[in-house]
Amino acid sequence: MTKRKLGRGVAIVGAGMSKFGAFPGKSSRDLFVDAFQEMLASVDKGFDARDIEALFIGNFSSDLFEGQGHTAPIMADWVGLTPRPATRVEDACASGGVALRQGMLAIASGLYDIVLVGGIEKMTDLPIERVTDTLATAADALYEVPAGFTFPGLYASMATAYMSRYGANTDVFLKVGYKNHENGSLNDKAQFGQRIADIMEMRKKSAAKKGLPIPEWADEMAFLKDDRANPIIAWPMRLYDCSPVSDGAAAVILVSEELASRFTDRPLYVIGSGQASDGATHSRPTMTSLPSAKQAASIAYEMAGVRPADIQVVEVHDCFTVAEIIATEDLGFFEPGQGWRAVEEGQTARGGPRPINTSGGLKSKGHPVGASGVGQVLEIWKQLRGEAGARQLPGAPHLGLTHNVGGTGQTCTVHIFERR
């Protein structure tokens, strides 16, 4: 197979995102404006939005969530960028990552020099049962849905398969969620910016205010094992194993490599990009790995000329806690069956040798599905530029990676970024 390479270099010179959370009264366009304005302000040497030549907007289902289709030109209009061409990209929860790839390819081809990539989703206006039904449209309607599966059930099946094959226990999934809440507590854009200990205290204060018995837990793990505080959604996945229903938006500016210094002396270069697809879960040889993720990662590593061991900052698609563990193996950071042991040993904690999801991940930061893939890039942008504040990794990291999954792995994109 011929080694894939870009026709010319692509750089990120600005990045921004709205806060992720639940925002009654705000639409996806309002959230996109928030992200767009922060992105403009992040460009070190200033930026004239009129220089943008095209937009690629990741969005899963504004049609069902908001009753609004034809989303991309609306976003262009809302930030004053008509008549530039605007394209909506839909690949379920990987919509943002695929939009990034399309924007990157548009520049690498020479068609454009400056492109805006965004991701948006407004999910919380619907009742939870309709959110579940909407998300289920990303599953296979011929095989997965008729079998009674929704996404918690599908990922729970992956978790039980993983435990059966590799001897993992249910505690390890809780520890992933615990870790990501620790990281998310340091992220002011996170939907759940609280440690598990903070949530425990909030529960106690709420009970006291209502005159109810004050719950007592020995520690955070006791809280996470409490069926009332952390109910089972689809065994072994509990509430705190599942990413939340979220609203949010994110945006980045891509430019051709030769233009980067015009906007900043600290750009990030997109040096590797891989995308792959797969069938539904019933057709795979295993439930403990995503073939699309392994293939996308292989393509990205080859293009970038780096190995898994070289990557220093990693944002993976932890829509459920088991997904993070599987991702760390698919990306080559740990051997198959060793990802859960790495969690037990603290290797994936922020202070460990292989920190994963320093932003808080989808679990704590939030998961507005069309925005998540672009939102991941924001953490890489901050970490590689030394701007991540209290969660900043030491040692001036210069290589980062994002892993964005659609459905149960029918789509996966992997991108590798470098600060030079």
Protein backbone atom coordinates (compact mmCIF):
# COMPACT_ATOMS: atom_id res chain seq x y z
CA MET A 1 0.00 0.00 0.00
CA THR A 2 1.34 3.44 -0.94
CA LYS A 3 2.20 5.66 2.00
CA ARG A 4 -0.32 8.45 2.29
CA LYS A 5 0.91 12.02 2.53
CA LEU A 6 -0.50 15.52 2.34
CA GLY A 7 -0.12 17.58 -0.80
CA ARG A 8 1.03 20.48 1.39
CA GLY A 9 1.29 21.21 5.09
CA VAL A 10 -1.68 22.26 7.22
CA ALA A 11 -1.53 24.27 10.45
CA ILE A 12 -3.94 25.28 13.20
CA VAL A 13 -3.59 28.95 14.15
CA GLY A 14 -6.67 29.48 16.33
CA ALA A 15 -9.05 27.41 18.43
CA GLY A 16 -12.04 28.04 20.69
CA MET A 17 -15.05 26.39 22.23
CA SER A 18 -18.20 27.24 24.10
CA LYS A 19 -18.75 25.87 27.54
CA PHE A 20 -20.24 22.41 27.34
CA GLY A 21 -23.39 21.73 29.35
CA ALA A 22 -27.15 22.26 29.31
CA PHE A 23 -28.26 25.70 28.13
CA PRO A 24 -32.02 26.24 27.96
CA GLY A 25 -32.86 29.10 25.63
CA LYS A 26 -29.65 28.77 23.61
CA SER A 27 -29.55 27.23 20.16
CA SER A 28 -26.63 25.58 18.39
CA ARG A 29 -26.08 28.84 16.50
CA ASP A 30 -25.66 30.76 19.77
CA LEU A 31 -23.15 28.20 21.00
CA PHE A 32 -21.28 28.32 17.71
CA VAL A 33 -20.97 32.10 17.99
CA ASP A 34 -19.40 31.61 21.45
CA ALA A 35 -16.85 29.16 20.05
CA PHE A 36 -16.18 31.30 16.99
CA GLN A 37 -15.50 34.43 19.03
CA GLU A 38 -13.12 32.61 21.36
CA MET A 39 -11.35 31.15 18.35
CA LEU A 40 -10.83 34.61 16.84
CA ALA A 41 -9.44 35.91 20.12
CA SER A 42 -6.97 33.02 20.33
CA VAL A 43 -5.08 33.99 17.14
CA ASP A 44 -1.89 35.56 18.47
CA LYS A 45 -1.33 38.11 15.71
CA GLY A 46 -4.99 38.81 15.01
CA PHE A 47 -7.28 37.45 12.36
CA ASP A 48 -9.77 38.92 9.92
CA ALA A 49 -12.68 36.49 9.60
CA ARG A 50 -13.28 37.74 6.07
CA ASP A 51 -10.17 35.79 5.03
CA ILE A 52 -11.98 32.49 5.66
CA GLU A 53 -12.67 30.78 2.33
CA ALA A 54 -14.85 27.82 3.36
CA LEU A 55 -16.53 26.18 6.35
CA PHE A 56 -16.89 22.52 7.33
CA ILE A 57 -19.30 21.96 10.21
CA GLY A 58 -19.58 18.67 12.07
CA ASN A 59 -23.13 17.98 13.23
CA PHE A 60 -24.90 14.71 13.91
CA SER A 61 -28.59 15.52 14.03
CA SER A 62 -29.76 19.09 14.35
CA ASP A 63 -32.71 17.78 12.32
CA LEU A 64 -34.01 15.67 15.19
CA PHE A 65 -32.54 17.54 18.16
CA GLU A 66 -33.66 21.01 17.04
CA GLY A 67 -35.95 20.46 14.08
CA GLN A 68 -33.41 22.27 11.92
CA GLY A 69 -31.67 20.82 8.91
CA HIS A 70 -29.36 22.55 6.43
CA THR A 71 -27.23 23.61 9.37
CA ALA A 72 -23.92 24.64 7.83
CA PRO A 73 -25.07 27.74 5.88
CA ILE A 74 -27.01 28.86 8.95
CA MET A 75 -23.78 28.78 10.97
CA ALA A 76 -22.01 30.68 8.20
CA ASP A 77 -24.73 33.32 8.24
CA TRP A 78 -24.75 33.58 12.01
CA VAL A 79 -21.04 34.51 12.12
CA GLY A 80 -21.19 36.72 9.04
CA LEU A 81 -19.44 34.43 6.57
CA THR A 82 -21.92 34.09 3.75
CA PRO A 83 -21.52 33.62 0.79
CA ARG A 84 -18.57 31.31 1.56
CA PRO A 85 -19.31 27.65 0.85
CA ALA A 86 -20.45 25.84 4.00
CA THR A 87 -20.70 22.06 4.28
CA ARG A 88 -22.28 20.00 7.03
CA VAL A 89 -20.45 16.76 7.82
CA GLU A 90 -22.34 13.88 9.48
CA ASP A 91 -20.68 10.73 10.79
CA ALA A 92 -22.51 10.27 14.09
CA CYS A 93 -20.29 11.10 17.08
CA ALA A 94 -17.27 11.31 14.75
CA SER A 95 -18.82 14.20 12.80
CA GLY A 96 -16.39 16.75 14.25
CA GLY A 97 -13.31 14.64 13.57
CA VAL A 98 -14.41 13.97 10.01
CA ALA A 99 -15.15 17.68 9.47
CA LEU A 100 -11.59 18.41 10.61
CA ARG A 101 -10.25 15.91 8.14
CA GLN A 102 -12.31 17.39 5.31
CA GLY A 103 -11.06 20.89 6.11
CA MET A 104 -7.51 19.63 6.25
CA LEU A 105 -7.82 17.85 2.90
CA ALA A 106 -9.37 20.97 1.33
CA ILE A 107 -6.23 22.93 2.22
CA ALA A 108 -3.79 20.12 1.41
CA SER A 109 -5.33 19.87 -2.06
CA GLY A 110 -4.60 23.54 -2.74
CA LEU A 111 -8.26 24.42 -3.23
CA TYR A 112 -8.29 26.74 -0.18
CA ASP A 113 -5.70 28.43 2.02
CA ILE A 114 -7.83 29.29 5.07
CA VAL A 115 -10.69 27.13 6.33
CA LEU A 116 -12.96 27.22 9.36
CA VAL A 117 -13.82 23.86 10.95
CA GLY A 118 -16.58 23.70 13.53
CA GLY A 119 -18.59 21.19 15.48
CA ILE A 120 -22.03 21.76 17.01
CA GLU A 121 -24.80 19.92 18.81
CA LYS A 122 -27.78 21.05 20.89
CA MET A 123 -29.18 17.97 22.64
CA THR A 124 -30.76 18.95 25.95
CA ASP A 125 -34.03 20.49 24.73
CA LEU A 126 -35.46 17.01 24.14
CA PRO A 127 -36.65 14.67 26.91
CA ILE A 128 -34.15 11.94 27.61
CA GLU A 129 -36.18 9.19 25.89
CA ARG A 130 -36.19 11.19 22.65
CA VAL A 131 -32.45 11.88 23.02
CA THR A 132 -31.94 8.13 23.33
CA ASP A 133 -34.05 7.50 20.22
CA THR A 134 -32.16 10.17 18.27
CA LEU A 135 -28.77 8.78 19.22
CA ALA A 136 -29.99 5.29 18.32
CA THR A 137 -30.29 6.39 14.68
CA ALA A 138 -26.48 6.12 14.61
CA ALA A 139 -26.78 2.39 15.34
CA ASP A 140 -27.53 -0.19 12.66
CA ALA A 141 -31.30 -0.11 12.13
CA LEU A 142 -31.29 -3.54 10.49
CA TYR A 143 -29.29 -5.47 13.11
CA GLU A 144 -28.52 -3.56 16.32
CA VAL A 145 -31.75 -1.63 16.92
CA PRO A 146 -34.18 -4.55 16.36
CA ALA A 147 -32.17 -6.58 18.88
CA GLY A 148 -33.16 -4.00 21.50
CA PHE A 149 -29.81 -2.25 21.75
CA THR A 150 -29.24 1.40 22.54
CA PHE A 151 -25.71 2.70 22.96
CA PRO A 152 -25.38 2.02 26.71
CA GLY A 153 -26.30 -1.59 25.97
CA LEU A 154 -23.91 -1.86 23.06
CA TYR A 155 -20.97 -0.54 25.05
CA ALA A 156 -22.01 -2.63 28.04
CA SER A 157 -21.69 -5.65 25.75
CA MET A 158 -18.17 -4.54 24.88
CA ALA A 159 -17.43 -4.20 28.60
CA THR A 160 -18.67 -7.69 29.45
CA ALA A 161 -16.73 -9.15 26.52
CA TYR A 162 -13.61 -7.33 27.68
CA MET A 163 -14.00 -8.57 31.25
CA SER A 164 -14.57 -12.13 30.07
CA ARG A 165 -11.58 -12.14 27.74
CA TYR A 166 -9.03 -10.28 29.86
CA GLY A 167 -10.12 -10.73 33.48
CA ALA A 168 -10.90 -7.08 34.15
CA ASN A 169 -13.26 -6.19 37.00
CA THR A 170 -16.04 -3.63 37.19
CA ASP A 171 -14.00 -1.39 39.51
CA VAL A 172 -11.66 -0.42 36.70
CA PHE A 173 -14.43 1.28 34.76
CA LEU A 174 -15.32 3.35 37.81
CA LYS A 175 -11.68 4.35 38.14
CA VAL A 176 -11.66 5.71 34.57
CA GLY A 177 -14.65 7.91 35.42
CA TYR A 178 -13.02 8.98 38.69
CA LYS A 179 -9.84 9.99 36.83
CA ASN A 180 -11.69 11.96 34.20
CA HIS A 181 -13.68 13.87 36.80
CA GLU A 182 -10.39 14.75 38.51
CA ASN A 183 -9.14 16.17 35.21
CA GLY A 184 -12.43 17.84 34.32
CA SER A 185 -12.47 19.68 37.65
CA LEU A 186 -9.55 21.72 36.28
CA ASN A 187 -11.35 22.58 33.02
CA ASP A 188 -13.60 25.64 33.17
CA LYS A 189 -15.37 24.55 29.97
CA ALA A 190 -16.37 21.15 31.35
CA GLN A 191 -20.02 20.26 31.85
CA PHE A 192 -19.18 18.37 35.03
CA GLY A 193 -16.21 20.28 36.36
CA GLN A 194 -16.30 18.55 39.73
CA ARG A 195 -14.29 15.79 41.31
CA ILE A 196 -16.26 12.79 42.55
CA ALA A 197 -15.44 13.99 46.09
CA ASP A 198 -17.08 17.34 45.26
CA ILE A 199 -20.20 15.58 43.96
CA MET A 200 -20.37 13.53 47.15
CA GLU A 201 -20.32 16.70 49.25
CA MET A 202 -23.02 18.26 47.08
CA ARG A 203 -25.20 15.20 47.64
CA LYS A 204 -24.71 15.44 51.41
CA LYS A 205 -25.54 19.13 51.51
CA SER A 206 -28.62 18.57 49.37
CA ALA A 207 -29.87 15.84 51.72
CA ALA A 208 -29.28 18.06 54.76
CA LYS A 209 -31.13 20.97 53.18
CA LYS A 210 -34.12 18.71 52.48
CA GLY A 211 -34.09 17.28 55.99
CA LEU A 212 -33.24 13.81 54.71
CA PRO A 213 -30.74 11.37 56.21
CA ILE A 214 -27.24 12.42 55.20
CA PRO A 215 -25.59 9.65 53.17
CA GLU A 216 -22.21 8.37 54.28
CA TRP A 217 -19.64 6.85 51.98
CA ALA A 218 -16.23 5.60 53.05
CA ASP A 219 -14.57 7.02 49.93
CA GLU A 220 -15.16 7.83 46.29
CA MET A 221 -15.22 4.18 45.22
CA ALA A 222 -17.91 3.44 47.81
CA PHE A 223 -19.95 6.28 46.32
CA LEU A 224 -19.44 4.98 42.79
CA LYS A 225 -20.56 1.49 43.86
CA ASP A 226 -23.71 2.79 45.56
CA ASP A 227 -26.69 1.73 43.45
CA ARG A 228 -28.69 4.76 44.58
CA ALA A 229 -25.96 7.34 43.98
CA ASN A 230 -24.64 5.69 40.82
CA PRO A 231 -27.34 3.43 39.38
CA ILE A 232 -26.68 0.74 36.80
CA ILE A 233 -27.72 1.86 33.31
CA ALA A 234 -26.71 -1.31 31.43
CA TRP A 235 -24.54 -3.65 33.49
CA PRO A 236 -21.66 -3.14 34.08
CA MET A 237 -22.01 0.47 32.91
CA ARG A 238 -23.32 2.76 35.65
CA LEU A 239 -24.44 6.36 35.38
CA TYR A 240 -20.91 7.68 35.99
CA ASP A 241 -19.58 5.39 33.27
CA CYS A 242 -21.67 7.22 30.66
CA SER A 243 -20.95 10.55 28.99
CA PRO A 244 -23.73 13.10 29.53
CA VAL A 245 -26.30 14.62 27.20
CA SER A 246 -24.72 17.95 26.26
CA ASP A 247 -24.94 21.18 24.32
CA GLY A 248 -21.82 22.77 22.90
CA ALA A 249 -19.72 23.98 20.00
CA ALA A 250 -16.06 24.18 19.04
CA ALA A 251 -14.11 25.80 16.20
CA VAL A 252 -10.58 25.86 14.78
CA ILE A 253 -8.89 27.77 11.98
CA LEU A 254 -6.81 25.76 9.53
CA VAL A 255 -4.36 27.45 7.17
CA SER A 256 -1.75 26.30 4.69
CA GLU A 257 1.62 25.78 6.32
CA GLU A 258 3.28 28.66 4.51
CA LEU A 259 0.70 31.11 5.92
CA ALA A 260 0.94 30.01 9.56
CA SER A 261 3.57 32.56 10.64
CA ARG A 262 1.28 35.35 9.48
CA PHE A 263 -1.07 34.52 12.35
CA THR A 264 1.08 33.04 15.12
CA ASP A 265 4.61 32.03 16.02
CA ARG A 266 3.19 28.94 17.79
CA PRO A 267 1.00 27.04 15.32
CA LEU A 268 0.18 23.37 15.58
CA TYR A 269 0.82 21.33 12.47
CA VAL A 270 -1.48 18.47 11.46
CA ILE A 271 1.12 15.86 10.57
CA GLY A 272 -1.02 12.71 10.52
CA SER A 273 -4.63 11.91 9.68
CA GLY A 274 -6.40 8.59 9.37
CA GLN A 275 -10.01 7.63 8.86
CA ALA A 276 -11.56 4.19 8.57
CA SER A 277 -14.99 2.58 8.65
CA ASP A 278 -16.46 -0.73 9.73
CA GLY A 279 -19.68 -2.68 9.91
CA ALA A 280 -21.95 -2.98 12.93
CA THR A 281 -20.98 -4.92 16.04
CA HIS A 282 -22.49 -8.24 14.92
CA SER A 283 -20.09 -8.50 11.97
CA ARG A 284 -16.83 -8.03 13.87
CA PRO A 285 -14.43 -10.77 14.90
CA THR A 286 -14.21 -9.34 18.43
CA MET A 287 -16.10 -6.99 20.75
CA THR A 288 -12.92 -5.94 22.56
CA SER A 289 -11.41 -3.78 19.82
CA LEU A 290 -12.54 -1.36 17.12
CA PRO A 291 -10.97 -2.35 13.78
CA SER A 292 -11.66 1.12 12.38
CA ALA A 293 -9.67 2.72 15.18
CA LYS A 294 -6.68 0.45 14.65
CA GLN A 295 -6.73 1.13 10.91
CA ALA A 296 -7.15 4.91 11.28
CA ALA A 297 -4.34 4.99 13.83
CA SER A 298 -2.02 2.98 11.59
CA ILE A 299 -2.60 5.40 8.71
CA ALA A 300 -2.07 8.46 10.91
CA TYR A 301 1.12 7.12 12.50
CA GLU A 302 2.58 6.23 9.10
CA MET A 303 1.75 9.63 7.65
CA ALA A 304 3.23 11.43 10.66
CA GLY A 305 6.30 9.20 10.83
CA VAL A 306 5.85 8.62 14.56
CA ARG A 307 5.12 5.69 16.87
CA PRO A 308 2.58 5.39 19.69
CA ALA A 309 5.38 5.81 22.23
CA ASP A 310 6.19 9.25 20.78
CA ILE A 311 2.75 10.71 21.53
CA GLN A 312 2.63 12.85 24.68
CA VAL A 313 -0.91 14.27 24.85
CA VAL A 314 -3.93 12.09 24.05
CA GLU A 315 -7.66 12.77 23.84
CA VAL A 316 -9.69 9.61 23.19
CA HIS A 317 -13.40 9.06 22.62
CA ASP A 318 -14.61 7.93 26.05
CA CYS A 319 -18.35 8.01 25.39
CA PHE A 320 -18.38 5.20 27.97
CA THR A 321 -15.54 4.34 30.32
CA VAL A 322 -14.89 1.01 28.64
CA ALA A 323 -14.37 2.89 25.37
CA GLU A 324 -11.35 4.70 26.83
CA ILE A 325 -9.69 1.45 27.84
CA ILE A 326 -10.28 -0.14 24.45
CA ALA A 327 -9.05 3.03 22.70
CA THR A 328 -5.71 2.99 24.54
CA GLU A 329 -5.11 -0.51 23.22
CA ASP A 330 -6.32 0.18 19.69
CA LEU A 331 -3.99 3.18 19.51
CA GLY A 332 -1.02 1.03 20.51
CA PHE A 333 -0.31 2.57 23.90
CA PHE A 334 -0.89 -0.78 25.64
CA GLU A 335 -1.03 -4.37 24.47
CA PRO A 336 -4.48 -5.96 24.12
CA GLY A 337 -5.83 -6.77 27.57
CA GLN A 338 -3.36 -4.48 29.33
CA GLY A 339 -5.30 -1.22 29.14
CA TRP A 340 -7.33 -2.01 32.25
CA ARG A 341 -4.18 -2.89 34.19
CA ALA A 342 -2.69 0.47 33.16
CA VAL A 343 -5.69 2.19 34.73
CA GLU A 344 -5.27 0.17 37.93
CA GLU A 345 -1.61 1.17 38.07
CA GLY A 346 -2.35 4.88 37.56
CA GLN A 347 -0.50 5.03 34.24
CA THR A 348 -3.30 6.95 32.51
CA ALA A 349 -3.74 9.53 35.28
CA ARG A 350 -2.62 13.09 34.64
CA GLY A 351 0.52 12.48 36.67
CA GLY A 352 1.19 9.07 35.14
CA PRO A 353 3.51 8.11 32.29
CA ARG A 354 0.65 7.89 29.75
CA PRO A 355 -1.93 10.58 30.63
CA ILE A 356 -5.25 10.14 28.84
CA ASN A 357 -8.02 12.75 28.52
CA THR A 358 -6.49 15.59 30.51
CA SER A 359 -9.50 17.71 29.50
CA GLY A 360 -11.82 15.44 31.46
CA GLY A 361 -12.78 13.56 28.32
CA LEU A 362 -16.32 13.22 27.06
CA LYS A 363 -17.24 11.77 30.45
CA SER A 364 -16.57 14.98 32.42
CA LYS A 365 -16.12 17.70 29.80
CA GLY A 366 -19.35 16.67 28.05
CA HIS A 367 -20.33 15.09 24.75
CA PRO A 368 -22.31 17.35 22.38
CA VAL A 369 -21.81 14.70 19.77
CA GLY A 370 -21.16 16.77 16.64
CA ALA A 371 -18.77 19.05 18.53
CA SER A 372 -16.75 16.45 20.42
CA GLY A 373 -14.15 15.70 17.75
CA VAL A 374 -13.29 19.39 17.36
CA GLY A 375 -13.49 19.94 21.11
CA GLN A 376 -10.75 17.32 21.56
CA VAL A 377 -8.45 19.45 19.41
CA LEU A 378 -8.86 22.34 21.85
CA GLU A 379 -7.15 20.34 24.58
CA ILE A 380 -4.26 19.43 22.28
CA TRP A 381 -4.00 23.12 21.27
CA LYS A 382 -3.76 24.22 24.89
CA GLN A 383 -1.43 21.46 26.07
CA LEU A 384 1.06 21.77 23.22
CA ARG A 385 1.13 25.57 23.59
CA GLY A 386 1.55 25.37 27.38
CA GLU A 387 -1.81 27.05 28.03
CA ALA A 388 -3.71 24.33 29.90
CA GLY A 389 -3.39 25.97 33.31
CA ALA A 390 -3.66 23.70 36.35
CA ARG A 391 -3.98 20.59 34.16
CA GLN A 392 -0.92 21.44 32.05
CA LEU A 393 1.34 18.46 31.51
CA PRO A 394 5.03 18.99 32.35
CA GLY A 395 7.96 18.79 29.98
CA ALA A 396 6.75 21.04 27.13
CA PRO A 397 4.93 18.31 25.15
CA HIS A 398 5.13 18.70 21.38
CA LEU A 399 3.16 15.73 19.96
CA GLY A 400 -0.56 15.17 20.53
CA LEU A 401 -3.29 12.87 19.19
CA THR A 402 -7.09 12.85 18.99
CA HIS A 403 -9.27 9.75 18.51
CA ASN A 404 -12.92 10.33 17.57
CA VAL A 405 -15.41 7.47 17.13
CA GLY A 406 -18.84 7.35 15.48
CA GLY A 407 -21.44 4.80 16.60
CA THR A 408 -19.83 1.69 18.03
CA GLY A 409 -16.84 2.11 15.75
CA GLN A 410 -18.40 2.24 12.30
CA THR A 411 -16.34 5.44 11.86
CA CYS A 412 -13.09 6.49 13.46
CA THR A 413 -10.70 9.36 12.81
CA VAL A 414 -7.24 9.77 14.33
CA HIS A 415 -5.28 13.01 14.01
CA ILE A 416 -1.72 13.75 15.09
CA PHE A 417 -0.52 17.28 15.87
CA GLU A 418 2.97 18.73 16.31
CA ARG A 419 4.35 21.89 17.87
CA ARG A 420 7.70 22.65 16.28
